[in-house]
């Protein structure tokens, strides 16, 4: 992934992670694995874990500790009502920006 793509991804990663959690609860490693499978190979686990701590502190997710076969319990994150509102706003903002960028791009041609 290029440096430019990495920088752009940083700006939307929170929305991407919340969108993943809108589909189903997940723990950090699951989220990182899914992102890598989708082609976001440069994302470090630490980046995802730090993001999860931030969204937890902001009250956008609920956390449940679930026993793990290997080691300590896992923190499983699920999107709550406040997180869903935030995600809805993220998608509205994304649509606005994507529309304006597309207009700008088409104007170049």
PDB file of N, CA and C in Angstrom:
ATOM      1  N   UNK A   1       0.847  -1.167   0.000  1.00  0.00           N
ATOM      2  CA  UNK A   1       0.000   0.000   0.000  1.00  0.00           C
ATOM      3  C   UNK A   1       0.900   1.239   0.000  1.00  0.00           C
ATOM      4  N   UNK A   2       0.549   2.215  -0.791  1.00  0.00           N
ATOM      5  CA  UNK A   2       1.363   3.423  -0.883  1.00  0.00           C
ATOM      6  C   UNK A   2       1.225   4.268   0.386  1.00  0.00           C
ATOM      7  N   UNK A   3       2.168   5.175   0.573  1.00  0.00           N
ATOM      8  CA  UNK A   3       2.120   6.079   1.730  1.00  0.00           C
ATOM      9  C   UNK A   3       0.844   6.912   1.696  1.00  0.00           C
ATOM     10  N   UNK A   4       0.462   7.356   0.505  1.00  0.00           N
ATOM     11  CA  UNK A   4      -0.758   8.154   0.367  1.00  0.00           C
ATOM     12  C   UNK A   4      -1.984   7.337   0.785  1.00  0.00           C
ATOM     13  N   UNK A   5      -2.056   6.088   0.337  1.00  0.00           N
ATOM     14  CA  UNK A   5      -3.182   5.227   0.698  1.00  0.00           C
ATOM     15  C   UNK A   5      -3.214   4.975   2.196  1.00  0.00           C
ATOM     16  N   UNK A   6      -2.044   4.771   2.789  1.00  0.00           N
ATOM     17  CA  UNK A   6      -1.960   4.547   4.231  1.00  0.00           C
ATOM     18  C   UNK A   6      -2.469   5.761   4.994  1.00  0.00           C
ATOM     19  N   UNK A   7      -2.083   6.948   4.563  1.00  0.00           N
ATOM     20  CA  UNK A   7      -2.532   8.174   5.224  1.00  0.00           C
ATOM     21  C   UNK A   7      -4.038   8.360   5.077  1.00  0.00           C
ATOM     22  N   UNK A   8      -4.575   8.079   3.903  1.00  0.00           N
ATOM     23  CA  UNK A   8      -6.021   8.206   3.693  1.00  0.00           C
ATOM     24  C   UNK A   8      -6.783   7.197   4.556  1.00  0.00           C
ATOM     25  N   UNK A   9      -6.236   5.985   4.649  1.00  0.00           N
ATOM     26  CA  UNK A   9      -6.875   4.945   5.442  1.00  0.00           C
ATOM     27  C   UNK A   9      -6.957   5.334   6.911  1.00  0.00           C
ATOM     28  N   UNK A  10      -5.924   5.989   7.429  1.00  0.00           N
ATOM     29  CA  UNK A  10      -5.928   6.411   8.828  1.00  0.00           C
ATOM     30  C   UNK A  10      -7.150   7.273   9.140  1.00  0.00           C
ATOM     31  N   UNK A  11      -7.552   8.091   8.166  1.00  0.00           N
ATOM     32  CA  UNK A  11      -8.682   8.982   8.374  1.00  0.00           C
ATOM     33  C   UNK A  11     -10.031   8.295   8.404  1.00  0.00           C
ATOM     34  N   UNK A  12     -10.119   7.106   7.840  1.00  0.00           N
ATOM     35  CA  UNK A  12     -11.413   6.424   7.776  1.00  0.00           C
ATOM     36  C   UNK A  12     -11.423   5.086   8.509  1.00  0.00           C
ATOM     37  N   UNK A  13     -10.309   4.709   9.094  1.00  0.00           N
ATOM     38  CA  UNK A  13     -10.220   3.397   9.738  1.00  0.00           C
ATOM     39  C   UNK A  13     -11.246   3.227  10.858  1.00  0.00           C
ATOM     40  N   UNK A  14     -11.470   4.271  11.622  1.00  0.00           N
ATOM     41  CA  UNK A  14     -12.462   4.172  12.693  1.00  0.00           C
ATOM     42  C   UNK A  14     -13.833   3.804  12.125  1.00  0.00           C
ATOM     43  N   UNK A  15     -14.246   4.466  11.061  1.00  0.00           N
ATOM     44  CA  UNK A  15     -15.526   4.147  10.431  1.00  0.00           C
ATOM     45  C   UNK A  15     -15.563   2.725   9.899  1.00  0.00           C
ATOM     46  N   UNK A  16     -14.449   2.273   9.329  1.00  0.00           N
ATOM     47  CA  UNK A  16     -14.378   0.908   8.806  1.00  0.00           C
ATOM     48  C   UNK A  16     -14.556  -0.103   9.942  1.00  0.00           C
ATOM     49  N   UNK A  17     -13.852   0.118  11.044  1.00  0.00           N
ATOM     50  CA  UNK A  17     -13.945  -0.808  12.179  1.00  0.00           C
ATOM     51  C   UNK A  17     -15.361  -0.799  12.755  1.00  0.00           C
ATOM     52  N   UNK A  18     -15.963   0.364  12.887  1.00  0.00           N
ATOM     53  CA  UNK A  18     -17.337   0.421  13.389  1.00  0.00           C
ATOM     54  C   UNK A  18     -18.296  -0.275  12.430  1.00  0.00           C
ATOM     55  N   UNK A  19     -18.058  -0.160  11.123  1.00  0.00           N
ATOM     56  CA  UNK A  19     -18.901  -0.855  10.145  1.00  0.00           C
ATOM     57  C   UNK A  19     -18.758  -2.371  10.285  1.00  0.00           C
ATOM     58  N   UNK A  20     -17.546  -2.836  10.553  1.00  0.00           N
ATOM     59  CA  UNK A  20     -17.336  -4.268  10.790  1.00  0.00           C
ATOM     60  C   UNK A  20     -18.151  -4.706  12.009  1.00  0.00           C
ATOM     61  N   UNK A  21     -18.079  -3.905  13.076  1.00  0.00           N
ATOM     62  CA  UNK A  21     -18.791  -4.248  14.309  1.00  0.00           C
ATOM     63  C   UNK A  21     -20.305  -4.115  14.160  1.00  0.00           C
ATOM     64  N   UNK A  22     -20.760  -3.342  13.192  1.00  0.00           N
ATOM     65  CA  UNK A  22     -22.198  -3.249  12.933  1.00  0.00           C
ATOM     66  C   UNK A  22     -22.720  -4.582  12.401  1.00  0.00           C
ATOM     67  N   UNK A  23     -21.837  -5.319  11.738  1.00  0.00           N
ATOM     68  CA  UNK A  23     -22.222  -6.622  11.198  1.00  0.00           C
ATOM     69  C   UNK A  23     -22.249  -7.723  12.232  1.00  0.00           C
ATOM     70  N   UNK A  24     -21.290  -7.660  13.161  1.00  0.00           N
ATOM     71  CA  UNK A  24     -21.240  -8.683  14.221  1.00  0.00           C
ATOM     72  C   UNK A  24     -20.183  -8.300  15.247  1.00  0.00           C
ATOM     73  N   UNK A  25     -20.341  -8.770  16.475  1.00  0.00           N
ATOM     74  CA  UNK A  25     -19.300  -8.526  17.483  1.00  0.00           C
ATOM     75  C   UNK A  25     -17.996  -9.208  17.065  1.00  0.00           C
ATOM     76  N   UNK A  26     -16.879  -8.626  17.473  1.00  0.00           N
ATOM     77  CA  UNK A  26     -15.576  -9.203  17.119  1.00  0.00           C
ATOM     78  C   UNK A  26     -14.524  -8.728  18.116  1.00  0.00           C
ATOM     79  N   UNK A  27     -13.418  -9.457  18.161  1.00  0.00           N
ATOM     80  CA  UNK A  27     -12.291  -9.031  18.990  1.00  0.00           C
ATOM     81  C   UNK A  27     -11.195  -8.494  18.070  1.00  0.00           C
ATOM     82  N   UNK A  28     -10.224  -7.829  18.659  1.00  0.00           N
ATOM     83  CA  UNK A  28      -9.220  -7.103  17.900  1.00  0.00           C
ATOM     84  C   UNK A  28      -8.517  -7.901  16.824  1.00  0.00           C
ATOM     85  N   UNK A  29      -8.066  -9.105  17.161  1.00  0.00           N
ATOM     86  CA  UNK A  29      -7.337  -9.905  16.189  1.00  0.00           C
ATOM     87  C   UNK A  29      -8.230 -10.281  15.009  1.00  0.00           C
ATOM     88  N   UNK A  30      -9.510 -10.582  15.288  1.00  0.00           N
ATOM     89  CA  UNK A  30     -10.458 -10.900  14.204  1.00  0.00           C
ATOM     90  C   UNK A  30     -10.595  -9.723  13.237  1.00  0.00           C
ATOM     91  N   UNK A  31     -10.695  -8.532  13.801  1.00  0.00           N
ATOM     92  CA  UNK A  31     -10.847  -7.332  12.986  1.00  0.00           C
ATOM     93  C   UNK A  31      -9.603  -7.122  12.129  1.00  0.00           C
ATOM     94  N   UNK A  32      -8.439  -7.249  12.743  1.00  0.00           N
ATOM     95  CA  UNK A  32      -7.181  -7.084  12.003  1.00  0.00           C
ATOM     96  C   UNK A  32      -7.077  -8.108  10.878  1.00  0.00           C
ATOM     97  N   UNK A  33      -7.414  -9.355  11.168  1.00  0.00           N
ATOM     98  CA  UNK A  33      -7.363 -10.419  10.160  1.00  0.00           C
ATOM     99  C   UNK A  33      -8.295 -10.109   9.002  1.00  0.00           C
ATOM    100  N   UNK A  34      -9.521  -9.682   9.309  1.00  0.00           N
ATOM    101  CA  UNK A  34     -10.486  -9.361   8.258  1.00  0.00           C
ATOM    102  C   UNK A  34      -9.965  -8.226   7.382  1.00  0.00           C
ATOM    103  N   UNK A  35      -9.426  -7.187   8.020  1.00  0.00           N
ATOM    104  CA  UNK A  35      -8.886  -6.058   7.265  1.00  0.00           C
ATOM    105  C   UNK A  35      -7.771  -6.515   6.323  1.00  0.00           C
ATOM    106  N   UNK A  36      -6.902  -7.358   6.820  1.00  0.00           N
ATOM    107  CA  UNK A  36      -5.798  -7.858   5.981  1.00  0.00           C
ATOM    108  C   UNK A  36      -6.323  -8.701   4.822  1.00  0.00           C
ATOM    109  N   UNK A  37      -7.347  -9.509   5.092  1.00  0.00           N
ATOM    110  CA  UNK A  37      -7.952 -10.322   4.029  1.00  0.00           C
ATOM    111  C   UNK A  37      -8.591  -9.449   2.954  1.00  0.00           C
ATOM    112  N   UNK A  38      -9.015  -8.250   3.334  1.00  0.00           N
ATOM    113  CA  UNK A  38      -9.633  -7.320   2.387  1.00  0.00           C
ATOM    114  C   UNK A  38      -8.604  -6.466   1.655  1.00  0.00           C
ATOM    115  N   UNK A  39      -7.330  -6.725   1.912  1.00  0.00           N
ATOM    116  CA  UNK A  39      -6.278  -6.028   1.188  1.00  0.00           C
ATOM    117  C   UNK A  39      -5.583  -4.926   1.968  1.00  0.00           C
ATOM    118  N   UNK A  40      -5.999  -4.692   3.188  1.00  0.00           N
ATOM    119  CA  UNK A  40      -5.353  -3.673   4.026  1.00  0.00           C
ATOM    120  C   UNK A  40      -4.185  -4.310   4.769  1.00  0.00           C
ATOM    121  N   UNK A  41      -3.204  -4.752   4.024  1.00  0.00           N
ATOM    122  CA  UNK A  41      -2.126  -5.569   4.586  1.00  0.00           C
ATOM    123  C   UNK A  41      -1.168  -4.799   5.486  1.00  0.00           C
ATOM    124  N   UNK A  42      -1.138  -3.485   5.363  1.00  0.00           N
ATOM    125  CA  UNK A  42      -0.190  -2.687   6.144  1.00  0.00           C
ATOM    126  C   UNK A  42      -0.701  -2.316   7.534  1.00  0.00           C
ATOM    127  N   UNK A  43      -1.907  -2.711   7.867  1.00  0.00           N
ATOM    128  CA  UNK A  43      -2.462  -2.328   9.167  1.00  0.00           C
ATOM    129  C   UNK A  43      -1.859  -3.198  10.259  1.00  0.00           C
ATOM    130  N   UNK A  44      -1.282  -2.539  11.252  1.00  0.00           N
ATOM    131  CA  UNK A  44      -0.685  -3.251  12.384  1.00  0.00           C
ATOM    132  C   UNK A  44      -1.756  -3.539  13.431  1.00  0.00           C
ATOM    133  N   UNK A  45      -1.593  -4.660  14.122  1.00  0.00           N
ATOM    134  CA  UNK A  45      -2.539  -4.999  15.188  1.00  0.00           C
ATOM    135  C   UNK A  45      -2.622  -3.874  16.215  1.00  0.00           C
ATOM    136  N   UNK A  46      -1.485  -3.289  16.540  1.00  0.00           N
ATOM    137  CA  UNK A  46      -1.461  -2.224  17.536  1.00  0.00           C
ATOM    138  C   UNK A  46      -2.333  -1.039  17.143  1.00  0.00           C
ATOM    139  N   UNK A  47      -2.416  -0.763  15.851  1.00  0.00           N
ATOM    140  CA  UNK A  47      -3.260   0.328  15.367  1.00  0.00           C
ATOM    141  C   UNK A  47      -4.725   0.029  15.657  1.00  0.00           C
ATOM    142  N   UNK A  48      -5.126  -1.201  15.386  1.00  0.00           N
ATOM    143  CA  UNK A  48      -6.524  -1.595  15.618  1.00  0.00           C
ATOM    144  C   UNK A  48      -6.830  -1.600  17.109  1.00  0.00           C
ATOM    145  N   UNK A  49      -5.916  -2.138  17.918  1.00  0.00           N
ATOM    146  CA  UNK A  49      -6.161  -2.174  19.358  1.00  0.00           C
ATOM    147  C   UNK A  49      -6.261  -0.774  19.947  1.00  0.00           C
ATOM    148  N   UNK A  50      -5.409   0.144  19.510  1.00  0.00           N
ATOM    149  CA  UNK A  50      -5.475   1.525  19.997  1.00  0.00           C
ATOM    150  C   UNK A  50      -6.802   2.174  19.598  1.00  0.00           C
ATOM    151  N   UNK A  51      -7.241   1.908  18.384  1.00  0.00           N
ATOM    152  CA  UNK A  51      -8.512   2.439  17.917  1.00  0.00           C
ATOM    153  C   UNK A  51      -9.664   1.885  18.757  1.00  0.00           C
ATOM    154  N   UNK A  52      -9.618   0.587  19.066  1.00  0.00           N
ATOM    155  CA  UNK A  52     -10.678  -0.026  19.878  1.00  0.00           C
ATOM    156  C   UNK A  52     -10.731   0.589  21.281  1.00  0.00           C
ATOM    157  N   UNK A  53      -9.583   0.880  21.845  1.00  0.00           N
ATOM    158  CA  UNK A  53      -9.550   1.544  23.157  1.00  0.00           C
ATOM    159  C   UNK A  53     -10.225   2.912  23.059  1.00  0.00           C
ATOM    160  N   UNK A  54      -9.929   3.653  21.996  1.00  0.00           N
ATOM    161  CA  UNK A  54     -10.522   4.991  21.830  1.00  0.00           C
ATOM    162  C   UNK A  54     -12.035   4.934  21.678  1.00  0.00           C
ATOM    163  N   UNK A  55     -12.531   4.019  20.842  1.00  0.00           N
ATOM    164  CA  UNK A  55     -13.985   3.964  20.641  1.00  0.00           C
ATOM    165  C   UNK A  55     -14.687   3.443  21.893  1.00  0.00           C
ATOM    166  N   UNK A  56     -14.001   2.599  22.663  1.00  0.00           N
ATOM    167  CA  UNK A  56     -14.564   2.150  23.942  1.00  0.00           C
ATOM    168  C   UNK A  56     -14.651   3.326  24.910  1.00  0.00           C
ATOM    169  N   UNK A  57     -13.597   4.113  25.005  1.00  0.00           N
ATOM    170  CA  UNK A  57     -13.584   5.268  25.908  1.00  0.00           C
ATOM    171  C   UNK A  57     -14.634   6.298  25.525  1.00  0.00           C
ATOM    172  N   UNK A  58     -14.925   6.400  24.245  1.00  0.00           N
ATOM    173  CA  UNK A  58     -15.931   7.354  23.773  1.00  0.00           C
ATOM    174  C   UNK A  58     -17.351   6.803  23.867  1.00  0.00           C
ATOM    175  N   UNK A  59     -17.494   5.558  24.305  1.00  0.00           N
ATOM    176  CA  UNK A  59     -18.813   4.974  24.512  1.00  0.00           C
ATOM    177  C   UNK A  59     -19.514   4.523  23.252  1.00  0.00           C
ATOM    178  N   UNK A  60     -18.757   4.221  22.199  1.00  0.00           N
ATOM    179  CA  UNK A  60     -19.355   3.814  20.928  1.00  0.00           C
ATOM    180  C   UNK A  60     -19.551   2.307  20.813  1.00  0.00           C
ATOM    181  N   UNK A  61     -18.913   1.555  21.708  1.00  0.00           N
ATOM    182  CA  UNK A  61     -19.004   0.095  21.674  1.00  0.00           C
ATOM    183  C   UNK A  61     -19.239  -0.439  23.081  1.00  0.00           C
ATOM    184  N   UNK A  62     -19.814  -1.614  23.128  1.00  0.00           N
ATOM    185  CA  UNK A  62     -19.909  -2.360  24.376  1.00  0.00           C
ATOM    186  C   UNK A  62     -18.844  -3.438  24.331  1.00  0.00           C
ATOM    187  N   UNK A  63     -18.322  -3.788  25.493  1.00  0.00           N
ATOM    188  CA  UNK A  63     -17.238  -4.768  25.567  1.00  0.00           C
ATOM    189  C   UNK A  63     -17.646  -5.888  26.507  1.00  0.00           C
ATOM    190  N   UNK A  64     -17.400  -7.112  26.056  1.00  0.00           N
ATOM    191  CA  UNK A  64     -17.659  -8.295  26.877  1.00  0.00           C
ATOM    192  C   UNK A  64     -16.387  -9.130  26.895  1.00  0.00           C
ATOM    193  N   UNK A  65     -15.983  -9.551  28.077  1.00  0.00           N
ATOM    194  CA  UNK A  65     -14.820 -10.436  28.177  1.00  0.00           C
ATOM    195  C   UNK A  65     -15.304 -11.875  28.018  1.00  0.00           C
ATOM    196  N   UNK A  66     -14.702 -12.553  27.045  1.00  0.00           N
ATOM    197  CA  UNK A  66     -15.102 -13.921  26.706  1.00  0.00           C
ATOM    198  C   UNK A  66     -13.895 -14.831  26.926  1.00  0.00           C
ATOM    199  N   UNK A  67     -14.100 -15.978  27.597  1.00  0.00           N
ATOM    200  CA  UNK A  67     -12.975 -16.894  27.820  1.00  0.00           C
ATOM    201  C   UNK A  67     -12.316 -17.307  26.503  1.00  0.00           C
ATOM    202  N   UNK A  68     -11.007 -17.490  26.564  1.00  0.00           N
ATOM    203  CA  UNK A  68     -10.231 -17.908  25.408  1.00  0.00           C
ATOM    204  C   UNK A  68      -9.554 -19.236  25.723  1.00  0.00           C
ATOM    205  N   UNK A  69      -9.444 -20.088  24.701  1.00  0.00           N
ATOM    206  CA  UNK A  69      -8.758 -21.364  24.898  1.00  0.00           C
ATOM    207  C   UNK A  69      -7.267 -21.133  25.145  1.00  0.00           C
ATOM    208  N   UNK A  70      -6.754 -20.029  24.615  1.00  0.00           N
ATOM    209  CA  UNK A  70      -5.326 -19.734  24.704  1.00  0.00           C
ATOM    210  C   UNK A  70      -5.123 -18.422  25.456  1.00  0.00           C
ATOM    211  N   UNK A  71      -4.860 -18.489  26.727  1.00  0.00           N
ATOM    212  CA  UNK A  71      -4.519 -17.279  27.466  1.00  0.00           C
ATOM    213  C   UNK A  71      -5.696 -16.590  28.120  1.00  0.00           C
ATOM    214  N   UNK A  72      -5.525 -15.294  28.361  1.00  0.00           N
ATOM    215  CA  UNK A  72      -6.536 -14.530  29.097  1.00  0.00           C
ATOM    216  C   UNK A  72      -7.819 -14.337  28.280  1.00  0.00           C
ATOM    217  N   UNK A  73      -8.893 -13.920  28.943  1.00  0.00           N
ATOM    218  CA  UNK A  73     -10.146 -13.686  28.205  1.00  0.00           C
ATOM    219  C   UNK A  73      -9.961 -12.630  27.117  1.00  0.00           C
ATOM    220  N   UNK A  74     -10.742 -12.776  26.062  1.00  0.00           N
ATOM    221  CA  UNK A  74     -10.713 -11.812  24.955  1.00  0.00           C
ATOM    222  C   UNK A  74     -11.765 -10.733  25.195  1.00  0.00           C
ATOM    223  N   UNK A  75     -11.454  -9.534  24.761  1.00  0.00           N
ATOM    224  CA  UNK A  75     -12.432  -8.452  24.790  1.00  0.00           C
ATOM    225  C   UNK A  75     -13.160  -8.466  23.446  1.00  0.00           C
ATOM    226  N   UNK A  76     -14.450  -8.767  23.502  1.00  0.00           N
ATOM    227  CA  UNK A  76     -15.261  -8.787  22.291  1.00  0.00           C
ATOM    228  C   UNK A  76     -16.060  -7.483  22.243  1.00  0.00           C
ATOM    229  N   UNK A  77     -15.942  -6.787  21.137  1.00  0.00           N
ATOM    230  CA  UNK A  77     -16.558  -5.475  20.962  1.00  0.00           C
ATOM    231  C   UNK A  77     -17.818  -5.602  20.113  1.00  0.00           C
ATOM    232  N   UNK A  78     -18.855  -4.875  20.512  1.00  0.00           N
ATOM    233  CA  UNK A  78     -20.068  -4.800  19.699  1.00  0.00           C
ATOM    234  C   UNK A  78     -20.530  -3.352  19.643  1.00  0.00           C
ATOM    235  N   UNK A  79     -21.079  -2.996  18.527  1.00  0.00           N
ATOM    236  CA  UNK A  79     -21.547  -1.632  18.328  1.00  0.00           C
ATOM    237  C   UNK A  79     -22.808  -1.408  19.151  1.00  0.00           C
ATOM    238  N   UNK A  80     -22.855  -0.315  19.895  1.00  0.00           N
ATOM    239  CA  UNK A  80     -24.050   0.010  20.672  1.00  0.00           C
ATOM    240  C   UNK A  80     -24.829   1.119  19.950  1.00  0.00           C
ATOM    241  N   UNK A  81     -25.901   1.605  20.579  1.00  0.00           N
ATOM    242  CA  UNK A  81     -26.761   2.606  19.936  1.00  0.00           C
ATOM    243  C   UNK A  81     -25.994   3.891  19.630  1.00  0.00           C
ATOM    244  N   UNK A  82     -25.164   4.338  20.539  1.00  0.00           N
ATOM    245  CA  UNK A  82     -24.379   5.554  20.304  1.00  0.00           C
ATOM    246  C   UNK A  82     -23.396   5.340  19.153  1.00  0.00           C
ATOM    247  N   UNK A  83     -22.800   4.155  19.101  1.00  0.00           N
ATOM    248  CA  UNK A  83     -21.886   3.830  18.012  1.00  0.00           C
ATOM    249  C   UNK A  83     -22.602   3.756  16.674  1.00  0.00           C
ATOM    250  N   UNK A  84     -23.830   3.249  16.683  1.00  0.00           N
ATOM    251  CA  UNK A  84     -24.605   3.172  15.440  1.00  0.00           C
ATOM    252  C   UNK A  84     -24.922   4.575  14.926  1.00  0.00           C
ATOM    253  N   UNK A  85     -25.271   5.488  15.837  1.00  0.00           N
ATOM    254  CA  UNK A  85     -25.518   6.879  15.428  1.00  0.00           C
ATOM    255  C   UNK A  85     -24.246   7.487  14.826  1.00  0.00           C
ATOM    256  N   UNK A  86     -23.134   7.235  15.479  1.00  0.00           N
ATOM    257  CA  UNK A  86     -21.851   7.749  14.986  1.00  0.00           C
ATOM    258  C   UNK A  86     -21.541   7.166  13.602  1.00  0.00           C
ATOM    259  N   UNK A  87     -21.781   5.868  13.436  1.00  0.00           N
ATOM    260  CA  UNK A  87     -21.536   5.219  12.145  1.00  0.00           C
ATOM    261  C   UNK A  87     -22.459   5.781  11.068  1.00  0.00           C
ATOM    262  N   UNK A  88     -23.717   6.028  11.411  1.00  0.00           N
ATOM    263  CA  UNK A  88     -24.639   6.635  10.444  1.00  0.00           C
ATOM    264  C   UNK A  88     -24.112   7.990   9.980  1.00  0.00           C
ATOM    265  N   UNK A  89     -23.601   8.787  10.921  1.00  0.00           N
ATOM    266  CA  UNK A  89     -23.026  10.085  10.578  1.00  0.00           C
ATOM    267  C   UNK A  89     -21.773   9.904   9.715  1.00  0.00           C
ATOM    268  N   UNK A  90     -20.967   8.901  10.033  1.00  0.00           N
ATOM    269  CA  UNK A  90     -19.782   8.599   9.223  1.00  0.00           C
ATOM    270  C   UNK A  90     -20.199   8.330   7.780  1.00  0.00           C
ATOM    271  N   UNK A  91     -21.237   7.508   7.565  1.00  0.00           N
ATOM    272  CA  UNK A  91     -21.658   7.175   6.195  1.00  0.00           C
ATOM    273  C   UNK A  91     -22.227   8.393   5.478  1.00  0.00           C
ATOM    274  N   UNK A  92     -22.953   9.256   6.194  1.00  0.00           N
ATOM    275  CA  UNK A  92     -23.443  10.485   5.566  1.00  0.00           C
ATOM    276  C   UNK A  92     -22.268  11.366   5.122  1.00  0.00           C
ATOM    277  N   UNK A  93     -21.282  11.492   6.001  1.00  0.00           N
ATOM    278  CA  UNK A  93     -20.104  12.294   5.668  1.00  0.00           C
ATOM    279  C   UNK A  93     -19.334  11.669   4.518  1.00  0.00           C
ATOM    280  N   UNK A  94     -19.172  10.358   4.560  1.00  0.00           N
ATOM    281  CA  UNK A  94     -18.470   9.654   3.482  1.00  0.00           C
ATOM    282  C   UNK A  94     -19.172   9.890   2.148  1.00  0.00           C
ATOM    283  N   UNK A  95     -20.487   9.768   2.119  1.00  0.00           N
ATOM    284  CA  UNK A  95     -21.245   9.970   0.879  1.00  0.00           C
ATOM    285  C   UNK A  95     -21.064  11.387   0.345  1.00  0.00           C
ATOM    286  N   UNK A  96     -21.126  12.368   1.238  1.00  0.00           N
ATOM    287  CA  UNK A  96     -20.925  13.759   0.852  1.00  0.00           C
ATOM    288  C   UNK A  96     -19.545  13.941   0.226  1.00  0.00           C
ATOM    289  N   UNK A  97     -18.512  13.474   0.922  1.00  0.00           N
ATOM    290  CA  UNK A  97     -17.144  13.628   0.425  1.00  0.00           C
ATOM    291  C   UNK A  97     -16.927  12.873  -0.892  1.00  0.00           C
ATOM    292  N   UNK A  98     -17.431  11.643  -0.961  1.00  0.00           N
ATOM    293  CA  UNK A  98     -17.258  10.843  -2.172  1.00  0.00           C
ATOM    294  C   UNK A  98     -17.937  11.517  -3.363  1.00  0.00           C
ATOM    295  N   UNK A  99     -19.124  12.074  -3.149  1.00  0.00           N
ATOM    296  CA  UNK A  99     -19.821  12.778  -4.229  1.00  0.00           C
ATOM    297  C   UNK A  99     -19.016  13.983  -4.699  1.00  0.00           C
ATOM    298  N   UNK A 100     -18.517  14.769  -3.759  1.00  0.00           N
ATOM    299  CA  UNK A 100     -17.755  15.973  -4.125  1.00  0.00           C
ATOM    300  C   UNK A 100     -16.441  15.609  -4.808  1.00  0.00           C
ATOM    301  N   UNK A 101     -15.776  14.582  -4.338  1.00  0.00           N
ATOM    302  CA  UNK A 101     -14.539  14.144  -4.973  1.00  0.00           C
ATOM    303  C   UNK A 101     -14.785  13.640  -6.383  1.00  0.00           C
ATOM    304  N   UNK A 102     -15.882  12.918  -6.567  1.00  0.00           N
ATOM    305  CA  UNK A 102     -16.217  12.419  -7.900  1.00  0.00           C
ATOM    306  C   UNK A 102     -16.517  13.581  -8.851  1.00  0.00           C
ATOM    307  N   UNK A 103     -17.235  14.581  -8.357  1.00  0.00           N
ATOM    308  CA  UNK A 103     -17.504  15.769  -9.177  1.00  0.00           C
ATOM    309  C   UNK A 103     -16.200  16.445  -9.573  1.00  0.00           C
ATOM    310  N   UNK A 104     -15.310  16.576  -8.618  1.00  0.00           N
ATOM    311  CA  UNK A 104     -14.006  17.202  -8.879  1.00  0.00           C
ATOM    312  C   UNK A 104     -13.225  16.386  -9.901  1.00  0.00           C
ATOM    313  N   UNK A 105     -13.223  15.086  -9.721  1.00  0.00           N
ATOM    314  CA  UNK A 105     -12.504  14.191 -10.631  1.00  0.00           C
ATOM    315  C   UNK A 105     -13.083  14.274 -12.045  1.00  0.00           C
ATOM    316  N   UNK A 106     -14.393  14.269 -12.154  1.00  0.00           N
ATOM    317  CA  UNK A 106     -15.041  14.354 -13.473  1.00  0.00           C
ATOM    318  C   UNK A 106     -14.767  15.699 -14.131  1.00  0.00           C
ATOM    319  N   UNK A 107     -14.623  16.742 -13.321  1.00  0.00           N
ATOM    320  CA  UNK A 107     -14.337  18.068 -13.849  1.00  0.00           C
ATOM    321  C   UNK A 107     -12.945  18.170 -14.446  1.00  0.00           C
ATOM    322  N   UNK A 108     -12.049  17.262 -14.040  1.00  0.00           N
ATOM    323  CA  UNK A 108     -10.685  17.262 -14.599  1.00  0.00           C
ATOM    324  C   UNK A 108     -10.656  16.740 -16.009  1.00  0.00           C
ATOM    325  N   UNK A 109     -11.653  15.985 -16.389  1.00  0.00           N
ATOM    326  CA  UNK A 109     -11.626  15.298 -17.699  1.00  0.00           C
ATOM    327  C   UNK A 109     -12.137  16.172 -18.812  1.00  0.00           C
TER     328      UNK A 109
END
